[in-house]
């Protein structure tokens, strides 16, 4: 990108318009330090993090965000089952 004849080389700026600043900060933090310290991460943030990690093939960040997604899905299912159980056993 910075070595070929692209606008990023000319201006020295990479624009990522489809990523919010919080997700981008988490992504860069992970690239530099290998961790994401800004937690807990909610479901929407995990989806955004998963998308950018997948786009740039950052495998450990894909795995991390996938774990958050699965955990949130499981928690959501448990809560729905619990609410159904309390409804059924009235």
PDB file of N, CA and C in Angstrom:
ATOM      1  N   UNK A   1       0.823  -1.185   0.000  1.00  0.00           N
ATOM      2  CA  UNK A   1       0.000   0.000   0.000  1.00  0.00           C
ATOM      3  C   UNK A   1       0.874   1.259   0.000  1.00  0.00           C
ATOM      4  N   UNK A   2       1.877   1.299   0.889  1.00  0.00           N
ATOM      5  CA  UNK A   2       2.757   2.457   0.945  1.00  0.00           C
ATOM      6  C   UNK A   2       3.921   2.339  -0.026  1.00  0.00           C
ATOM      7  N   UNK A   3       4.103   1.163  -0.603  1.00  0.00           N
ATOM      8  CA  UNK A   3       5.202   0.962  -1.537  1.00  0.00           C
ATOM      9  C   UNK A   3       4.750   1.045  -2.985  1.00  0.00           C
ATOM     10  N   UNK A   4       3.487   0.815  -3.254  1.00  0.00           N
ATOM     11  CA  UNK A   4       2.977   0.901  -4.621  1.00  0.00           C
ATOM     12  C   UNK A   4       2.475   2.318  -4.889  1.00  0.00           C
ATOM     13  N   UNK A   5       2.077   2.555  -6.120  1.00  0.00           N
ATOM     14  CA  UNK A   5       1.645   3.898  -6.513  1.00  0.00           C
ATOM     15  C   UNK A   5       0.163   4.094  -6.194  1.00  0.00           C
ATOM     16  N   UNK A   6      -0.136   4.195  -4.901  1.00  0.00           N
ATOM     17  CA  UNK A   6      -1.516   4.373  -4.453  1.00  0.00           C
ATOM     18  C   UNK A   6      -1.617   5.672  -3.661  1.00  0.00           C
ATOM     19  N   UNK A   7      -2.842   6.135  -3.445  1.00  0.00           N
ATOM     20  CA  UNK A   7      -3.034   7.403  -2.732  1.00  0.00           C
ATOM     21  C   UNK A   7      -2.492   7.355  -1.309  1.00  0.00           C
ATOM     22  N   UNK A   8      -2.503   6.169  -0.677  1.00  0.00           N
ATOM     23  CA  UNK A   8      -1.967   6.041   0.681  1.00  0.00           C
ATOM     24  C   UNK A   8      -0.479   6.389   0.713  1.00  0.00           C
ATOM     25  N   UNK A   9       0.235   6.015  -0.327  1.00  0.00           N
ATOM     26  CA  UNK A   9       1.663   6.347  -0.408  1.00  0.00           C
ATOM     27  C   UNK A   9       1.836   7.845  -0.627  1.00  0.00           C
ATOM     28  N   UNK A  10       1.024   8.396  -1.496  1.00  0.00           N
ATOM     29  CA  UNK A  10       1.147   9.813  -1.835  1.00  0.00           C
ATOM     30  C   UNK A  10       0.879  10.711  -0.628  1.00  0.00           C
ATOM     31  N   UNK A  11      -0.180  10.404   0.135  1.00  0.00           N
ATOM     32  CA  UNK A  11      -0.571  11.260   1.255  1.00  0.00           C
ATOM     33  C   UNK A  11      -0.099  10.755   2.619  1.00  0.00           C
ATOM     34  N   UNK A  12       0.330   9.489   2.694  1.00  0.00           N
ATOM     35  CA  UNK A  12       0.780   8.923   3.963  1.00  0.00           C
ATOM     36  C   UNK A  12      -0.351   8.677   4.945  1.00  0.00           C
ATOM     37  N   UNK A  13      -1.565   8.506   4.420  1.00  0.00           N
ATOM     38  CA  UNK A  13      -2.743   8.306   5.261  1.00  0.00           C
ATOM     39  C   UNK A  13      -3.537   7.112   4.739  1.00  0.00           C
ATOM     40  N   UNK A  14      -3.980   6.272   5.670  1.00  0.00           N
ATOM     41  CA  UNK A  14      -4.874   5.171   5.323  1.00  0.00           C
ATOM     42  C   UNK A  14      -6.238   5.502   5.910  1.00  0.00           C
ATOM     43  N   UNK A  15      -7.238   5.618   5.045  1.00  0.00           N
ATOM     44  CA  UNK A  15      -8.592   5.920   5.503  1.00  0.00           C
ATOM     45  C   UNK A  15      -9.371   4.623   5.664  1.00  0.00           C
ATOM     46  N   UNK A  16     -10.007   4.493   6.807  1.00  0.00           N
ATOM     47  CA  UNK A  16     -10.828   3.315   7.097  1.00  0.00           C
ATOM     48  C   UNK A  16     -12.207   3.820   7.496  1.00  0.00           C
ATOM     49  N   UNK A  17     -12.984   4.229   6.521  1.00  0.00           N
ATOM     50  CA  UNK A  17     -14.261   4.883   6.768  1.00  0.00           C
ATOM     51  C   UNK A  17     -15.339   3.944   7.301  1.00  0.00           C
ATOM     52  N   UNK A  18     -15.175   2.649   7.105  1.00  0.00           N
ATOM     53  CA  UNK A  18     -16.204   1.707   7.546  1.00  0.00           C
ATOM     54  C   UNK A  18     -15.935   1.136   8.937  1.00  0.00           C
ATOM     55  N   UNK A  19     -14.977   1.730   9.656  1.00  0.00           N
ATOM     56  CA  UNK A  19     -14.628   1.271  11.005  1.00  0.00           C
ATOM     57  C   UNK A  19     -14.700   2.449  11.968  1.00  0.00           C
ATOM     58  N   UNK A  20     -15.391   2.269  13.082  1.00  0.00           N
ATOM     59  CA  UNK A  20     -15.480   3.349  14.067  1.00  0.00           C
ATOM     60  C   UNK A  20     -14.169   3.475  14.839  1.00  0.00           C
ATOM     61  N   UNK A  21     -13.983   4.601  15.488  1.00  0.00           N
ATOM     62  CA  UNK A  21     -12.705   4.895  16.141  1.00  0.00           C
ATOM     63  C   UNK A  21     -12.394   3.944  17.296  1.00  0.00           C
ATOM     64  N   UNK A  22     -13.395   3.534  18.061  1.00  0.00           N
ATOM     65  CA  UNK A  22     -13.155   2.620  19.179  1.00  0.00           C
ATOM     66  C   UNK A  22     -12.659   1.267  18.675  1.00  0.00           C
ATOM     67  N   UNK A  23     -13.294   0.758  17.622  1.00  0.00           N
ATOM     68  CA  UNK A  23     -12.870  -0.519  17.042  1.00  0.00           C
ATOM     69  C   UNK A  23     -11.466  -0.401  16.474  1.00  0.00           C
ATOM     70  N   UNK A  24     -11.191   0.699  15.797  1.00  0.00           N
ATOM     71  CA  UNK A  24      -9.860   0.907  15.227  1.00  0.00           C
ATOM     72  C   UNK A  24      -8.803   0.992  16.324  1.00  0.00           C
ATOM     73  N   UNK A  25      -9.114   1.661  17.423  1.00  0.00           N
ATOM     74  CA  UNK A  25      -8.171   1.727  18.547  1.00  0.00           C
ATOM     75  C   UNK A  25      -7.896   0.343  19.120  1.00  0.00           C
ATOM     76  N   UNK A  26      -8.938  -0.458  19.280  1.00  0.00           N
ATOM     77  CA  UNK A  26      -8.761  -1.825  19.785  1.00  0.00           C
ATOM     78  C   UNK A  26      -7.928  -2.661  18.812  1.00  0.00           C
ATOM     79  N   UNK A  27      -8.190  -2.494  17.521  1.00  0.00           N
ATOM     80  CA  UNK A  27      -7.458  -3.215  16.487  1.00  0.00           C
ATOM     81  C   UNK A  27      -5.970  -2.859  16.529  1.00  0.00           C
ATOM     82  N   UNK A  28      -5.660  -1.585  16.572  1.00  0.00           N
ATOM     83  CA  UNK A  28      -4.264  -1.134  16.609  1.00  0.00           C
ATOM     84  C   UNK A  28      -3.593  -1.578  17.903  1.00  0.00           C
ATOM     85  N   UNK A  29      -4.306  -1.478  19.016  1.00  0.00           N
ATOM     86  CA  UNK A  29      -3.762  -1.945  20.298  1.00  0.00           C
ATOM     87  C   UNK A  29      -3.382  -3.417  20.202  1.00  0.00           C
ATOM     88  N   UNK A  30      -4.248  -4.200  19.586  1.00  0.00           N
ATOM     89  CA  UNK A  30      -3.953  -5.624  19.434  1.00  0.00           C
ATOM     90  C   UNK A  30      -2.733  -5.843  18.534  1.00  0.00           C
ATOM     91  N   UNK A  31      -2.618  -5.068  17.467  1.00  0.00           N
ATOM     92  CA  UNK A  31      -1.463  -5.214  16.576  1.00  0.00           C
ATOM     93  C   UNK A  31      -0.155  -4.912  17.302  1.00  0.00           C
ATOM     94  N   UNK A  32      -0.152  -3.881  18.125  1.00  0.00           N
ATOM     95  CA  UNK A  32       1.069  -3.484  18.828  1.00  0.00           C
ATOM     96  C   UNK A  32       1.361  -4.330  20.067  1.00  0.00           C
ATOM     97  N   UNK A  33       0.337  -4.649  20.842  1.00  0.00           N
ATOM     98  CA  UNK A  33       0.558  -5.284  22.142  1.00  0.00           C
ATOM     99  C   UNK A  33       0.046  -6.717  22.248  1.00  0.00           C
ATOM    100  N   UNK A  34      -0.732  -7.154  21.265  1.00  0.00           N
ATOM    101  CA  UNK A  34      -1.247  -8.517  21.288  1.00  0.00           C
ATOM    102  C   UNK A  34      -2.419  -8.727  22.224  1.00  0.00           C
ATOM    103  N   UNK A  35      -2.982  -7.650  22.740  1.00  0.00           N
ATOM    104  CA  UNK A  35      -4.120  -7.751  23.655  1.00  0.00           C
ATOM    105  C   UNK A  35      -5.136  -6.653  23.351  1.00  0.00           C
ATOM    106  N   UNK A  36      -6.308  -6.814  23.924  1.00  0.00           N
ATOM    107  CA  UNK A  36      -7.326  -5.768  23.908  1.00  0.00           C
ATOM    108  C   UNK A  36      -7.668  -5.524  25.368  1.00  0.00           C
ATOM    109  N   UNK A  37      -7.208  -4.398  25.912  1.00  0.00           N
ATOM    110  CA  UNK A  37      -7.389  -4.143  27.344  1.00  0.00           C
ATOM    111  C   UNK A  37      -8.689  -3.424  27.648  1.00  0.00           C
ATOM    112  N   UNK A  38      -9.309  -2.829  26.641  1.00  0.00           N
ATOM    113  CA  UNK A  38     -10.560  -2.099  26.840  1.00  0.00           C
ATOM    114  C   UNK A  38     -11.714  -3.088  26.850  1.00  0.00           C
ATOM    115  N   UNK A  39     -12.037  -3.583  28.015  1.00  0.00           N
ATOM    116  CA  UNK A  39     -13.106  -4.567  28.100  1.00  0.00           C
ATOM    117  C   UNK A  39     -13.991  -4.230  29.295  1.00  0.00           C
ATOM    118  N   UNK A  40     -15.154  -4.725  29.439  1.00  0.00           N
ATOM    119  CA  UNK A  40     -15.764  -5.772  28.620  1.00  0.00           C
ATOM    120  C   UNK A  40     -16.214  -5.226  27.273  1.00  0.00           C
ATOM    121  N   UNK A  41     -16.271  -6.104  26.312  1.00  0.00           N
ATOM    122  CA  UNK A  41     -16.667  -5.737  24.960  1.00  0.00           C
ATOM    123  C   UNK A  41     -18.080  -6.257  24.724  1.00  0.00           C
ATOM    124  N   UNK A  42     -18.960  -5.361  24.311  1.00  0.00           N
ATOM    125  CA  UNK A  42     -20.346  -5.767  24.063  1.00  0.00           C
ATOM    126  C   UNK A  42     -20.466  -6.470  22.708  1.00  0.00           C
ATOM    127  N   UNK A  43     -21.646  -6.955  22.426  1.00  0.00           N
ATOM    128  CA  UNK A  43     -21.877  -7.754  21.225  1.00  0.00           C
ATOM    129  C   UNK A  43     -21.606  -6.964  19.945  1.00  0.00           C
ATOM    130  N   UNK A  44     -22.087  -5.731  19.862  1.00  0.00           N
ATOM    131  CA  UNK A  44     -21.865  -4.921  18.662  1.00  0.00           C
ATOM    132  C   UNK A  44     -20.383  -4.638  18.440  1.00  0.00           C
ATOM    133  N   UNK A  45     -19.660  -4.365  19.515  1.00  0.00           N
ATOM    134  CA  UNK A  45     -18.224  -4.117  19.403  1.00  0.00           C
ATOM    135  C   UNK A  45     -17.476  -5.369  18.979  1.00  0.00           C
ATOM    136  N   UNK A  46     -17.910  -6.513  19.476  1.00  0.00           N
ATOM    137  CA  UNK A  46     -17.278  -7.780  19.088  1.00  0.00           C
ATOM    138  C   UNK A  46     -17.488  -8.064  17.612  1.00  0.00           C
ATOM    139  N   UNK A  47     -18.677  -7.752  17.103  1.00  0.00           N
ATOM    140  CA  UNK A  47     -18.952  -7.932  15.671  1.00  0.00           C
ATOM    141  C   UNK A  47     -18.045  -7.027  14.845  1.00  0.00           C
ATOM    142  N   UNK A  48     -17.930  -5.765  15.239  1.00  0.00           N
ATOM    143  CA  UNK A  48     -17.077  -4.822  14.514  1.00  0.00           C
ATOM    144  C   UNK A  48     -15.616  -5.260  14.556  1.00  0.00           C
ATOM    145  N   UNK A  49     -15.166  -5.731  15.708  1.00  0.00           N
ATOM    146  CA  UNK A  49     -13.793  -6.199  15.852  1.00  0.00           C
ATOM    147  C   UNK A  49     -13.547  -7.447  15.013  1.00  0.00           C
ATOM    148  N   UNK A  50     -14.526  -8.332  14.988  1.00  0.00           N
ATOM    149  CA  UNK A  50     -14.419  -9.542  14.167  1.00  0.00           C
ATOM    150  C   UNK A  50     -14.295  -9.183  12.686  1.00  0.00           C
ATOM    151  N   UNK A  51     -15.087  -8.222  12.236  1.00  0.00           N
ATOM    152  CA  UNK A  51     -15.056  -7.822  10.827  1.00  0.00           C
ATOM    153  C   UNK A  51     -13.689  -7.281  10.418  1.00  0.00           C
ATOM    154  N   UNK A  52     -13.127  -6.382  11.226  1.00  0.00           N
ATOM    155  CA  UNK A  52     -11.838  -5.797  10.853  1.00  0.00           C
ATOM    156  C   UNK A  52     -10.717  -6.829  10.980  1.00  0.00           C
ATOM    157  N   UNK A  53     -10.801  -7.699  11.972  1.00  0.00           N
ATOM    158  CA  UNK A  53      -9.794  -8.755  12.123  1.00  0.00           C
ATOM    159  C   UNK A  53      -9.845  -9.708  10.938  1.00  0.00           C
ATOM    160  N   UNK A  54     -11.043 -10.026  10.502  1.00  0.00           N
ATOM    161  CA  UNK A  54     -11.208 -10.920   9.350  1.00  0.00           C
ATOM    162  C   UNK A  54     -10.713 -10.243   8.071  1.00  0.00           C
ATOM    163  N   UNK A  55     -11.012  -8.963   7.909  1.00  0.00           N
ATOM    164  CA  UNK A  55     -10.593  -8.226   6.715  1.00  0.00           C
ATOM    165  C   UNK A  55      -9.074  -8.239   6.557  1.00  0.00           C
ATOM    166  N   UNK A  56      -8.355  -8.120   7.676  1.00  0.00           N
ATOM    167  CA  UNK A  56      -6.893  -8.067   7.624  1.00  0.00           C
ATOM    168  C   UNK A  56      -6.238  -9.380   8.045  1.00  0.00           C
ATOM    169  N   UNK A  57      -7.030 -10.429   8.181  1.00  0.00           N
ATOM    170  CA  UNK A  57      -6.539 -11.785   8.484  1.00  0.00           C
ATOM    171  C   UNK A  57      -5.663 -11.839   9.731  1.00  0.00           C
ATOM    172  N   UNK A  58      -6.124 -11.215  10.804  1.00  0.00           N
ATOM    173  CA  UNK A  58      -5.427 -11.259  12.086  1.00  0.00           C
ATOM    174  C   UNK A  58      -6.058 -12.402  12.884  1.00  0.00           C
ATOM    175  N   UNK A  59      -5.469 -13.584  12.744  1.00  0.00           N
ATOM    176  CA  UNK A  59      -6.101 -14.814  13.213  1.00  0.00           C
ATOM    177  C   UNK A  59      -6.381 -14.843  14.711  1.00  0.00           C
ATOM    178  N   UNK A  60      -5.434 -14.386  15.536  1.00  0.00           N
ATOM    179  CA  UNK A  60      -5.686 -14.437  16.979  1.00  0.00           C
ATOM    180  C   UNK A  60      -6.769 -13.440  17.401  1.00  0.00           C
ATOM    181  N   UNK A  61      -6.896 -12.335  16.685  1.00  0.00           N
ATOM    182  CA  UNK A  61      -7.962 -11.380  16.981  1.00  0.00           C
ATOM    183  C   UNK A  61      -9.313 -11.906  16.485  1.00  0.00           C
ATOM    184  N   UNK A  62      -9.303 -12.643  15.390  1.00  0.00           N
ATOM    185  CA  UNK A  62     -10.521 -13.315  14.924  1.00  0.00           C
ATOM    186  C   UNK A  62     -10.992 -14.289  16.001  1.00  0.00           C
ATOM    187  N   UNK A  63     -10.061 -15.074  16.520  1.00  0.00           N
ATOM    188  CA  UNK A  63     -10.400 -16.058  17.552  1.00  0.00           C
ATOM    189  C   UNK A  63     -10.933 -15.368  18.810  1.00  0.00           C
ATOM    190  N   UNK A  64     -10.275 -14.298  19.233  1.00  0.00           N
ATOM    191  CA  UNK A  64     -10.689 -13.557  20.427  1.00  0.00           C
ATOM    192  C   UNK A  64     -12.106 -13.003  20.267  1.00  0.00           C
ATOM    193  N   UNK A  65     -12.357 -12.330  19.154  1.00  0.00           N
ATOM    194  CA  UNK A  65     -13.679 -11.734  18.955  1.00  0.00           C
ATOM    195  C   UNK A  65     -14.749 -12.805  18.756  1.00  0.00           C
ATOM    196  N   UNK A  66     -14.380 -13.922  18.135  1.00  0.00           N
ATOM    197  CA  UNK A  66     -15.322 -15.036  17.968  1.00  0.00           C
ATOM    198  C   UNK A  66     -15.723 -15.598  19.333  1.00  0.00           C
ATOM    199  N   UNK A  67     -14.768 -15.692  20.257  1.00  0.00           N
ATOM    200  CA  UNK A  67     -15.078 -16.190  21.600  1.00  0.00           C
ATOM    201  C   UNK A  67     -16.079 -15.277  22.303  1.00  0.00           C
ATOM    202  N   UNK A  68     -15.916 -13.976  22.131  1.00  0.00           N
ATOM    203  CA  UNK A  68     -16.853 -13.024  22.730  1.00  0.00           C
ATOM    204  C   UNK A  68     -18.239 -13.199  22.118  1.00  0.00           C
ATOM    205  N   UNK A  69     -18.284 -13.367  20.798  1.00  0.00           N
ATOM    206  CA  UNK A  69     -19.569 -13.563  20.118  1.00  0.00           C
ATOM    207  C   UNK A  69     -20.268 -14.825  20.611  1.00  0.00           C
ATOM    208  N   UNK A  70     -19.525 -15.915  20.688  1.00  0.00           N
ATOM    209  CA  UNK A  70     -20.111 -17.180  21.145  1.00  0.00           C
ATOM    210  C   UNK A  70     -20.594 -17.053  22.585  1.00  0.00           C
ATOM    211  N   UNK A  71     -19.783 -16.440  23.442  1.00  0.00           N
ATOM    212  CA  UNK A  71     -20.167 -16.255  24.840  1.00  0.00           C
ATOM    213  C   UNK A  71     -21.464 -15.451  24.940  1.00  0.00           C
ATOM    214  N   UNK A  72     -21.557 -14.371  24.162  1.00  0.00           N
ATOM    215  CA  UNK A  72     -22.770 -13.549  24.190  1.00  0.00           C
ATOM    216  C   UNK A  72     -23.974 -14.299  23.649  1.00  0.00           C
ATOM    217  N   UNK A  73     -23.756 -15.122  22.623  1.00  0.00           N
ATOM    218  CA  UNK A  73     -24.864 -15.909  22.079  1.00  0.00           C
ATOM    219  C   UNK A  73     -25.359 -16.917  23.104  1.00  0.00           C
ATOM    220  N   UNK A  74     -24.424 -17.583  23.770  1.00  0.00           N
ATOM    221  CA  UNK A  74     -24.790 -18.571  24.788  1.00  0.00           C
ATOM    222  C   UNK A  74     -25.530 -17.884  25.935  1.00  0.00           C
ATOM    223  N   UNK A  75     -25.012 -16.747  26.382  1.00  0.00           N
ATOM    224  CA  UNK A  75     -25.665 -16.015  27.467  1.00  0.00           C
ATOM    225  C   UNK A  75     -27.066 -15.585  27.052  1.00  0.00           C
ATOM    226  N   UNK A  76     -27.221 -15.146  25.805  1.00  0.00           N
ATOM    227  CA  UNK A  76     -28.533 -14.741  25.308  1.00  0.00           C
ATOM    228  C   UNK A  76     -29.510 -15.896  25.260  1.00  0.00           C
ATOM    229  N   UNK A  77     -29.033 -17.052  24.822  1.00  0.00           N
ATOM    230  CA  UNK A  77     -29.885 -18.241  24.761  1.00  0.00           C
ATOM    231  C   UNK A  77     -30.302 -18.665  26.163  1.00  0.00           C
ATOM    232  N   UNK A  78     -29.364 -18.649  27.098  1.00  0.00           N
ATOM    233  CA  UNK A  78     -29.674 -19.023  28.482  1.00  0.00           C
ATOM    234  C   UNK A  78     -30.733 -18.083  29.054  1.00  0.00           C
ATOM    235  N   UNK A  79     -30.579 -16.791  28.809  1.00  0.00           N
ATOM    236  CA  UNK A  79     -31.556 -15.832  29.332  1.00  0.00           C
ATOM    237  C   UNK A  79     -32.937 -16.054  28.716  1.00  0.00           C
ATOM    238  N   UNK A  80     -32.979 -16.355  27.419  1.00  0.00           N
ATOM    239  CA  UNK A  80     -34.270 -16.619  26.779  1.00  0.00           C
ATOM    240  C   UNK A  80     -34.900 -17.891  27.333  1.00  0.00           C
ATOM    241  N   UNK A  81     -34.097 -18.917  27.535  1.00  0.00           N
ATOM    242  CA  UNK A  81     -34.618 -20.166  28.105  1.00  0.00           C
ATOM    243  C   UNK A  81     -35.118 -19.943  29.525  1.00  0.00           C
ATOM    244  N   UNK A  82     -34.380 -19.147  30.292  1.00  0.00           N
ATOM    245  CA  UNK A  82     -34.799 -18.859  31.658  1.00  0.00           C
ATOM    246  C   UNK A  82     -36.132 -18.122  31.662  1.00  0.00           C
ATOM    247  N   UNK A  83     -36.265 -17.128  30.785  1.00  0.00           N
ATOM    248  CA  UNK A  83     -37.524 -16.378  30.752  1.00  0.00           C
ATOM    249  C   UNK A  83     -38.673 -17.266  30.288  1.00  0.00           C
ATOM    250  N   UNK A  84     -38.401 -18.176  29.382  1.00  0.00           N
ATOM    251  CA  UNK A  84     -39.426 -19.123  28.942  1.00  0.00           C
ATOM    252  C   UNK A  84     -39.799 -20.065  30.083  1.00  0.00           C
ATOM    253  N   UNK A  85     -38.802 -20.517  30.822  1.00  0.00           N
ATOM    254  CA  UNK A  85     -39.034 -21.437  31.938  1.00  0.00           C
ATOM    255  C   UNK A  85     -39.893 -20.777  33.005  1.00  0.00           C
ATOM    256  N   UNK A  86     -39.627 -19.528  33.312  1.00  0.00           N
ATOM    257  CA  UNK A  86     -40.433 -18.852  34.329  1.00  0.00           C
ATOM    258  C   UNK A  86     -41.856 -18.629  33.834  1.00  0.00           C
ATOM    259  N   UNK A  87     -42.020 -18.466  32.535  1.00  0.00           N
ATOM    260  CA  UNK A  87     -43.355 -18.311  31.958  1.00  0.00           C
ATOM    261  C   UNK A  87     -44.130 -19.625  32.015  1.00  0.00           C
ATOM    262  N   UNK A  88     -43.476 -20.719  31.669  1.00  0.00           N
ATOM    263  CA  UNK A  88     -44.129 -22.029  31.601  1.00  0.00           C
ATOM    264  C   UNK A  88     -44.514 -22.534  32.982  1.00  0.00           C
ATOM    265  N   UNK A  89     -43.692 -22.276  34.000  1.00  0.00           N
ATOM    266  CA  UNK A  89     -43.915 -22.846  35.330  1.00  0.00           C
ATOM    267  C   UNK A  89     -44.708 -21.943  36.255  1.00  0.00           C
ATOM    268  N   UNK A  90     -45.480 -21.048  35.737  1.00  0.00           N
ATOM    269  CA  UNK A  90     -46.315 -20.175  36.585  1.00  0.00           C
ATOM    270  C   UNK A  90     -47.479 -20.918  37.140  1.00  0.00           C
TER     271      UNK A  90
END
